[in-house]
Amino acid sequence: MIEKEKLEKRELSKYGDLFTLEEFKNDCLEGYFNNYDGTGLYSDGVYEYGNPWENTARPSDFISGKNRTDFSHVVWFNK
């Protein structure tokens, strides 16, 4: 896992939907998102971190409990 401080940091996108970690996890568990629906990036609610090739917030990670916990939000980009 890449440390948060070493990830690229950008202003939140105007195109993504911002969810708290808990909201996103619950939506993944309910089947609203899967790995093929789009791409998620971890966020602190102000910035998004990484890019679609690193630090992705994958629904399968949330379902299996392997998601990162050092961020408070996920920015989700539907396909």
PDB file of N, CA and C in Angstrom:
ATOM      1  N   MET A   1       0.847  -1.181   0.000  1.00  0.00           N
ATOM      2  CA  MET A   1       0.000   0.000   0.000  1.00  0.00           C
ATOM      3  C   MET A   1       0.891   1.243   0.000  1.00  0.00           C
ATOM      4  N   ILE A   2       0.557   2.166  -0.877  1.00  0.00           N
ATOM      5  CA  ILE A   2       1.300   3.424  -0.965  1.00  0.00           C
ATOM      6  C   ILE A   2       0.832   4.346   0.155  1.00  0.00           C
ATOM      7  N   GLU A   3       1.784   4.952   0.843  1.00  0.00           N
ATOM      8  CA  GLU A   3       1.438   5.865   1.937  1.00  0.00           C
ATOM      9  C   GLU A   3       0.672   7.073   1.400  1.00  0.00           C
ATOM     10  N   LYS A   4      -0.282   7.527   2.174  1.00  0.00           N
ATOM     11  CA  LYS A   4      -1.134   8.656   1.786  1.00  0.00           C
ATOM     12  C   LYS A   4      -0.314   9.869   1.375  1.00  0.00           C
ATOM     13  N   GLU A   5       0.746  10.159   2.119  1.00  0.00           N
ATOM     14  CA  GLU A   5       1.566  11.345   1.862  1.00  0.00           C
ATOM     15  C   GLU A   5       2.305  11.269   0.530  1.00  0.00           C
ATOM     16  N   LYS A   6       2.489  10.065  -0.009  1.00  0.00           N
ATOM     17  CA  LYS A   6       3.229   9.892  -1.257  1.00  0.00           C
ATOM     18  C   LYS A   6       2.326   9.844  -2.484  1.00  0.00           C
ATOM     19  N   LEU A   7       1.023   9.880  -2.273  1.00  0.00           N
ATOM     20  CA  LEU A   7       0.082   9.820  -3.382  1.00  0.00           C
ATOM     21  C   LEU A   7      -0.133  11.200  -3.988  1.00  0.00           C
ATOM     22  N   GLU A   8      -0.407  11.213  -5.274  1.00  0.00           N
ATOM     23  CA  GLU A   8      -0.763  12.459  -5.953  1.00  0.00           C
ATOM     24  C   GLU A   8      -2.056  12.986  -5.342  1.00  0.00           C
ATOM     25  N   LYS A   9      -2.105  14.285  -5.040  1.00  0.00           N
ATOM     26  CA  LYS A   9      -3.269  14.904  -4.408  1.00  0.00           C
ATOM     27  C   LYS A   9      -3.843  15.944  -5.363  1.00  0.00           C
ATOM     28  N   ARG A  10      -5.151  15.883  -5.618  1.00  0.00           N
ATOM     29  CA  ARG A  10      -5.819  16.822  -6.514  1.00  0.00           C
ATOM     30  C   ARG A  10      -7.110  17.331  -5.891  1.00  0.00           C
ATOM     31  N   GLU A  11      -7.544  18.494  -6.356  1.00  0.00           N
ATOM     32  CA  GLU A  11      -8.859  19.004  -5.970  1.00  0.00           C
ATOM     33  C   GLU A  11      -9.906  17.966  -6.349  1.00  0.00           C
ATOM     34  N   LEU A  12     -11.001  17.921  -5.614  1.00  0.00           N
ATOM     35  CA  LEU A  12     -12.073  16.980  -5.935  1.00  0.00           C
ATOM     36  C   LEU A  12     -12.605  17.239  -7.336  1.00  0.00           C
ATOM     37  N   SER A  13     -12.851  16.179  -8.055  1.00  0.00           N
ATOM     38  CA  SER A  13     -13.405  16.266  -9.398  1.00  0.00           C
ATOM     39  C   SER A  13     -14.853  16.734  -9.343  1.00  0.00           C
ATOM     40  N   LYS A  14     -15.264  17.474 -10.354  1.00  0.00           N
ATOM     41  CA  LYS A  14     -16.661  17.894 -10.459  1.00  0.00           C
ATOM     42  C   LYS A  14     -17.533  16.777 -11.032  1.00  0.00           C
ATOM     43  N   TYR A  15     -16.908  15.721 -11.530  1.00  0.00           N
ATOM     44  CA  TYR A  15     -17.635  14.658 -12.205  1.00  0.00           C
ATOM     45  C   TYR A  15     -17.908  13.447 -11.324  1.00  0.00           C
ATOM     46  N   GLY A  16     -17.191  13.301 -10.257  1.00  0.00           N
ATOM     47  CA  GLY A  16     -17.376  12.140  -9.384  1.00  0.00           C
ATOM     48  C   GLY A  16     -18.400  12.402  -8.302  1.00  0.00           C
ATOM     49  N   ASP A  17     -18.895  11.334  -7.712  1.00  0.00           N
ATOM     50  CA  ASP A  17     -19.817  11.409  -6.583  1.00  0.00           C
ATOM     51  C   ASP A  17     -19.053  11.101  -5.302  1.00  0.00           C
ATOM     52  N   LEU A  18     -19.197  11.966  -4.302  1.00  0.00           N
ATOM     53  CA  LEU A  18     -18.471  11.830  -3.044  1.00  0.00           C
ATOM     54  C   LEU A  18     -19.319  11.076  -2.025  1.00  0.00           C
ATOM     55  N   PHE A  19     -18.744  10.019  -1.449  1.00  0.00           N
ATOM     56  CA  PHE A  19     -19.394   9.207  -0.429  1.00  0.00           C
ATOM     57  C   PHE A  19     -18.474   9.113   0.784  1.00  0.00           C
ATOM     58  N   THR A  20     -19.047   9.029   1.977  1.00  0.00           N
ATOM     59  CA  THR A  20     -18.220   8.665   3.125  1.00  0.00           C
ATOM     60  C   THR A  20     -17.842   7.189   2.956  1.00  0.00           C
ATOM     61  N   LEU A  21     -16.804   6.752   3.663  1.00  0.00           N
ATOM     62  CA  LEU A  21     -16.419   5.344   3.578  1.00  0.00           C
ATOM     63  C   LEU A  21     -17.590   4.446   3.965  1.00  0.00           C
ATOM     64  N   GLU A  22     -18.304   4.809   5.003  1.00  0.00           N
ATOM     65  CA  GLU A  22     -19.421   3.997   5.477  1.00  0.00           C
ATOM     66  C   GLU A  22     -20.542   3.925   4.436  1.00  0.00           C
ATOM     67  N   GLU A  23     -20.879   5.066   3.822  1.00  0.00           N
ATOM     68  CA  GLU A  23     -21.905   5.077   2.774  1.00  0.00           C
ATOM     69  C   GLU A  23     -21.497   4.187   1.605  1.00  0.00           C
ATOM     70  N   PHE A  24     -20.242   4.346   1.175  1.00  0.00           N
ATOM     71  CA  PHE A  24     -19.768   3.576   0.030  1.00  0.00           C
ATOM     72  C   PHE A  24     -19.759   2.079   0.351  1.00  0.00           C
ATOM     73  N   LYS A  25     -19.290   1.731   1.539  1.00  0.00           N
ATOM     74  CA  LYS A  25     -19.263   0.317   1.942  1.00  0.00           C
ATOM     75  C   LYS A  25     -20.668  -0.264   1.959  1.00  0.00           C
ATOM     76  N   ASN A  26     -21.599   0.445   2.557  1.00  0.00           N
ATOM     77  CA  ASN A  26     -22.981  -0.041   2.615  1.00  0.00           C
ATOM     78  C   ASN A  26     -23.566  -0.219   1.216  1.00  0.00           C
ATOM     79  N   ASP A  27     -23.294   0.734   0.315  1.00  0.00           N
ATOM     80  CA  ASP A  27     -23.792   0.630  -1.056  1.00  0.00           C
ATOM     81  C   ASP A  27     -23.159  -0.558  -1.783  1.00  0.00           C
ATOM     82  N   CYS A  28     -21.890  -0.826  -1.522  1.00  0.00           N
ATOM     83  CA  CYS A  28     -21.227  -1.992  -2.125  1.00  0.00           C
ATOM     84  C   CYS A  28     -21.843  -3.282  -1.597  1.00  0.00           C
ATOM     85  N   LEU A  29     -22.073  -3.340  -0.296  1.00  0.00           N
ATOM     86  CA  LEU A  29     -22.669  -4.534   0.307  1.00  0.00           C
ATOM     87  C   LEU A  29     -24.090  -4.775  -0.192  1.00  0.00           C
ATOM     88  N   GLU A  30     -24.794  -3.700  -0.515  1.00  0.00           N
ATOM     89  CA  GLU A  30     -26.159  -3.821  -1.042  1.00  0.00           C
ATOM     90  C   GLU A  30     -26.173  -4.158  -2.531  1.00  0.00           C
ATOM     91  N   GLY A  31     -24.990  -4.138  -3.174  1.00  0.00           N
ATOM     92  CA  GLY A  31     -24.903  -4.492  -4.586  1.00  0.00           C
ATOM     93  C   GLY A  31     -25.064  -3.338  -5.550  1.00  0.00           C
ATOM     94  N   TYR A  32     -25.028  -2.101  -5.042  1.00  0.00           N
ATOM     95  CA  TYR A  32     -25.189  -0.941  -5.924  1.00  0.00           C
ATOM     96  C   TYR A  32     -23.961  -0.679  -6.779  1.00  0.00           C
ATOM     97  N   PHE A  33     -22.780  -1.088  -6.321  1.00  0.00           N
ATOM     98  CA  PHE A  33     -21.539  -0.884  -7.065  1.00  0.00           C
ATOM     99  C   PHE A  33     -20.790  -2.204  -7.174  1.00  0.00           C
ATOM    100  N   ASN A  34     -20.137  -2.410  -8.300  1.00  0.00           N
ATOM    101  CA  ASN A  34     -19.196  -3.516  -8.441  1.00  0.00           C
ATOM    102  C   ASN A  34     -17.974  -3.002  -9.191  1.00  0.00           C
ATOM    103  N   ASN A  35     -16.946  -3.818  -9.290  1.00  0.00           N
ATOM    104  CA  ASN A  35     -15.675  -3.377  -9.880  1.00  0.00           C
ATOM    105  C   ASN A  35     -15.798  -2.970 -11.344  1.00  0.00           C
ATOM    106  N   TYR A  36     -16.871  -3.370 -11.995  1.00  0.00           N
ATOM    107  CA  TYR A  36     -17.025  -3.097 -13.423  1.00  0.00           C
ATOM    108  C   TYR A  36     -17.888  -1.876 -13.702  1.00  0.00           C
ATOM    109  N   ASP A  37     -18.468  -1.276 -12.657  1.00  0.00           N
ATOM    110  CA  ASP A  37     -19.350  -0.118 -12.819  1.00  0.00           C
ATOM    111  C   ASP A  37     -18.614   1.186 -13.050  1.00  0.00           C
ATOM    112  N   GLY A  38     -17.378   1.262 -12.590  1.00  0.00           N
ATOM    113  CA  GLY A  38     -16.636   2.517 -12.676  1.00  0.00           C
ATOM    114  C   GLY A  38     -15.353   2.433 -11.884  1.00  0.00           C
ATOM    115  N   THR A  39     -14.878   3.593 -11.436  1.00  0.00           N
ATOM    116  CA  THR A  39     -13.623   3.686 -10.693  1.00  0.00           C
ATOM    117  C   THR A  39     -13.818   4.564  -9.471  1.00  0.00           C
ATOM    118  N   GLY A  40     -13.233   4.169  -8.359  1.00  0.00           N
ATOM    119  CA  GLY A  40     -13.283   4.970  -7.146  1.00  0.00           C
ATOM    120  C   GLY A  40     -11.889   5.384  -6.721  1.00  0.00           C
ATOM    121  N   LEU A  41     -11.779   6.590  -6.195  1.00  0.00           N
ATOM    122  CA  LEU A  41     -10.529   7.084  -5.614  1.00  0.00           C
ATOM    123  C   LEU A  41     -10.785   7.440  -4.161  1.00  0.00           C
ATOM    124  N   TYR A  42      -9.822   7.169  -3.323  1.00  0.00           N
ATOM    125  CA  TYR A  42      -9.938   7.549  -1.918  1.00  0.00           C
ATOM    126  C   TYR A  42      -9.798   9.059  -1.784  1.00  0.00           C
ATOM    127  N   SER A  43     -10.422   9.602  -0.760  1.00  0.00           N
ATOM    128  CA  SER A  43     -10.460  11.052  -0.550  1.00  0.00           C
ATOM    129  C   SER A  43     -10.516  11.352   0.940  1.00  0.00           C
ATOM    130  N   ASP A  44     -10.143  12.586   1.261  1.00  0.00           N
ATOM    131  CA  ASP A  44     -10.321  13.062   2.635  1.00  0.00           C
ATOM    132  C   ASP A  44     -11.523  14.005   2.729  1.00  0.00           C
ATOM    133  N   GLY A  45     -12.309  14.070   1.661  1.00  0.00           N
ATOM    134  CA  GLY A  45     -13.472  14.952   1.620  1.00  0.00           C
ATOM    135  C   GLY A  45     -13.160  16.301   1.012  1.00  0.00           C
ATOM    136  N   VAL A  46     -11.877  16.629   0.876  1.00  0.00           N
ATOM    137  CA  VAL A  46     -11.443  17.892   0.281  1.00  0.00           C
ATOM    138  C   VAL A  46     -10.634  17.632  -0.988  1.00  0.00           C
ATOM    139  N   TYR A  47      -9.778  16.609  -0.931  1.00  0.00           N
ATOM    140  CA  TYR A  47      -8.924  16.234  -2.064  1.00  0.00           C
ATOM    141  C   TYR A  47      -9.153  14.774  -2.402  1.00  0.00           C
ATOM    142  N   GLU A  48      -8.846  14.415  -3.648  1.00  0.00           N
ATOM    143  CA  GLU A  48      -8.812  13.009  -4.034  1.00  0.00           C
ATOM    144  C   GLU A  48      -7.359  12.629  -4.234  1.00  0.00           C
ATOM    145  N   TYR A  49      -7.050  11.384  -3.975  1.00  0.00           N
ATOM    146  CA  TYR A  49      -5.663  10.930  -3.962  1.00  0.00           C
ATOM    147  C   TYR A  49      -5.449   9.810  -4.963  1.00  0.00           C
ATOM    148  N   GLY A  50      -4.299   9.865  -5.634  1.00  0.00           N
ATOM    149  CA  GLY A  50      -3.932   8.823  -6.578  1.00  0.00           C
ATOM    150  C   GLY A  50      -4.492   9.090  -7.960  1.00  0.00           C
ATOM    151  N   ASN A  51      -4.596   8.029  -8.730  1.00  0.00           N
ATOM    152  CA  ASN A  51      -5.167   8.078 -10.063  1.00  0.00           C
ATOM    153  C   ASN A  51      -5.820   6.733 -10.324  1.00  0.00           C
ATOM    154  N   PRO A  52      -6.512   6.567 -11.444  1.00  0.00           N
ATOM    155  CA  PRO A  52      -7.230   5.306 -11.671  1.00  0.00           C
ATOM    156  C   PRO A  52      -6.352   4.056 -11.722  1.00  0.00           C
ATOM    157  N   TRP A  53      -5.038   4.199 -11.730  1.00  0.00           N
ATOM    158  CA  TRP A  53      -4.142   3.039 -11.788  1.00  0.00           C
ATOM    159  C   TRP A  53      -3.492   2.734 -10.447  1.00  0.00           C
ATOM    160  N   GLU A  54      -3.670   3.610  -9.453  1.00  0.00           N
ATOM    161  CA  GLU A  54      -3.136   3.357  -8.121  1.00  0.00           C
ATOM    162  C   GLU A  54      -4.114   3.905  -7.093  1.00  0.00           C
ATOM    163  N   ASN A  55      -4.130   3.295  -5.947  1.00  0.00           N
ATOM    164  CA  ASN A  55      -4.981   3.757  -4.853  1.00  0.00           C
ATOM    165  C   ASN A  55      -6.463   3.738  -5.199  1.00  0.00           C
ATOM    166  N   THR A  56      -6.898   2.807  -5.993  1.00  0.00           N
ATOM    167  CA  THR A  56      -8.311   2.760  -6.339  1.00  0.00           C
ATOM    168  C   THR A  56      -9.131   2.171  -5.204  1.00  0.00           C
ATOM    169  N   ALA A  57     -10.336   2.684  -5.068  1.00  0.00           N
ATOM    170  CA  ALA A  57     -11.292   2.182  -4.078  1.00  0.00           C
ATOM    171  C   ALA A  57     -12.213   1.209  -4.806  1.00  0.00           C
ATOM    172  N   ARG A  58     -11.867  -0.069  -4.744  1.00  0.00           N
ATOM    173  CA  ARG A  58     -12.632  -1.089  -5.462  1.00  0.00           C
ATOM    174  C   ARG A  58     -13.751  -1.631  -4.580  1.00  0.00           C
ATOM    175  N   PRO A  59     -14.953  -1.735  -5.124  1.00  0.00           N
ATOM    176  CA  PRO A  59     -16.058  -2.286  -4.337  1.00  0.00           C
ATOM    177  C   PRO A  59     -15.744  -3.655  -3.737  1.00  0.00           C
ATOM    178  N   SER A  60     -15.025  -4.502  -4.453  1.00  0.00           N
ATOM    179  CA  SER A  60     -14.708  -5.830  -3.906  1.00  0.00           C
ATOM    180  C   SER A  60     -13.852  -5.725  -2.649  1.00  0.00           C
ATOM    181  N   ASP A  61     -13.010  -4.701  -2.555  1.00  0.00           N
ATOM    182  CA  ASP A  61     -12.211  -4.508  -1.341  1.00  0.00           C
ATOM    183  C   ASP A  61     -13.105  -4.142  -0.153  1.00  0.00           C
ATOM    184  N   PHE A  62     -14.126  -3.341  -0.400  1.00  0.00           N
ATOM    185  CA  PHE A  62     -15.046  -2.957   0.675  1.00  0.00           C
ATOM    186  C   PHE A  62     -15.890  -4.151   1.115  1.00  0.00           C
ATOM    187  N   ILE A  63     -16.280  -4.978   0.171  1.00  0.00           N
ATOM    188  CA  ILE A  63     -17.081  -6.155   0.503  1.00  0.00           C
ATOM    189  C   ILE A  63     -16.267  -7.152   1.324  1.00  0.00           C
ATOM    190  N   SER A  64     -14.992  -7.298   0.982  1.00  0.00           N
ATOM    191  CA  SER A  64     -14.142  -8.260   1.695  1.00  0.00           C
ATOM    192  C   SER A  64     -13.474  -7.667   2.935  1.00  0.00           C
ATOM    193  N   GLY A  65     -13.659  -6.366   3.192  1.00  0.00           N
ATOM    194  CA  GLY A  65     -13.061  -5.723   4.358  1.00  0.00           C
ATOM    195  C   GLY A  65     -11.600  -5.362   4.183  1.00  0.00           C
ATOM    196  N   LYS A  66     -11.114  -5.311   2.938  1.00  0.00           N
ATOM    197  CA  LYS A  66      -9.714  -4.992   2.663  1.00  0.00           C
ATOM    198  C   LYS A  66      -9.518  -3.552   2.196  1.00  0.00           C
ATOM    199  N   ASN A  67     -10.509  -2.710   2.397  1.00  0.00           N
ATOM    200  CA  ASN A  67     -10.402  -1.310   1.984  1.00  0.00           C
ATOM    201  C   ASN A  67      -9.505  -0.524   2.926  1.00  0.00           C
ATOM    202  N   ARG A  68      -8.987   0.575   2.426  1.00  0.00           N
ATOM    203  CA  ARG A  68      -8.155   1.451   3.255  1.00  0.00           C
ATOM    204  C   ARG A  68      -9.037   2.155   4.275  1.00  0.00           C
ATOM    205  N   THR A  69      -8.455   2.442   5.419  1.00  0.00           N
ATOM    206  CA  THR A  69      -9.196   3.135   6.474  1.00  0.00           C
ATOM    207  C   THR A  69      -8.538   4.462   6.852  1.00  0.00           C
ATOM    208  N   ASP A  70      -7.478   4.837   6.127  1.00  0.00           N
ATOM    209  CA  ASP A  70      -6.795   6.093   6.433  1.00  0.00           C
ATOM    210  C   ASP A  70      -7.367   7.262   5.638  1.00  0.00           C
ATOM    211  N   PHE A  71      -8.484   7.053   4.963  1.00  0.00           N
ATOM    212  CA  PHE A  71      -9.215   8.108   4.267  1.00  0.00           C
ATOM    213  C   PHE A  71     -10.638   8.105   4.806  1.00  0.00           C
ATOM    214  N   SER A  72     -11.346   9.210   4.629  1.00  0.00           N
ATOM    215  CA  SER A  72     -12.707   9.311   5.149  1.00  0.00           C
ATOM    216  C   SER A  72     -13.776   9.184   4.068  1.00  0.00           C
ATOM    217  N   HIS A  73     -13.376   9.296   2.804  1.00  0.00           N
ATOM    218  CA  HIS A  73     -14.341   9.325   1.710  1.00  0.00           C
ATOM    219  C   HIS A  73     -13.844   8.542   0.492  1.00  0.00           C
ATOM    220  N   VAL A  74     -14.776   8.326  -0.434  1.00  0.00           N
ATOM    221  CA  VAL A  74     -14.481   7.769  -1.752  1.00  0.00           C
ATOM    222  C   VAL A  74     -15.152   8.671  -2.775  1.00  0.00           C
ATOM    223  N   VAL A  75     -14.423   8.978  -3.851  1.00  0.00           N
ATOM    224  CA  VAL A  75     -15.001   9.666  -5.000  1.00  0.00           C
ATOM    225  C   VAL A  75     -15.235   8.589  -6.059  1.00  0.00           C
ATOM    226  N   TRP A  76     -16.486   8.425  -6.474  1.00  0.00           N
ATOM    227  CA  TRP A  76     -16.838   7.369  -7.414  1.00  0.00           C
ATOM    228  C   TRP A  76     -17.155   7.973  -8.772  1.00  0.00           C
ATOM    229  N   PHE A  77     -16.562   7.371  -9.816  1.00  0.00           N
ATOM    230  CA  PHE A  77     -16.758   7.787 -11.195  1.00  0.00           C
ATOM    231  C   PHE A  77     -17.440   6.648 -11.942  1.00  0.00           C
ATOM    232  N   ASN A  78     -18.726   6.798 -12.270  1.00  0.00           N
ATOM    233  CA  ASN A  78     -19.426   5.780 -13.063  1.00  0.00           C
ATOM    234  C   ASN A  78     -18.879   5.752 -14.465  1.00  0.00           C
ATOM    235  N   LYS A  79     -18.952   4.575 -15.084  1.00  0.00           N
ATOM    236  CA  LYS A  79     -18.549   4.460 -16.495  1.00  0.00           C
ATOM    237  C   LYS A  79     -19.543   5.144 -17.380  1.00  0.00           C
TER     238      LYS A  79
END
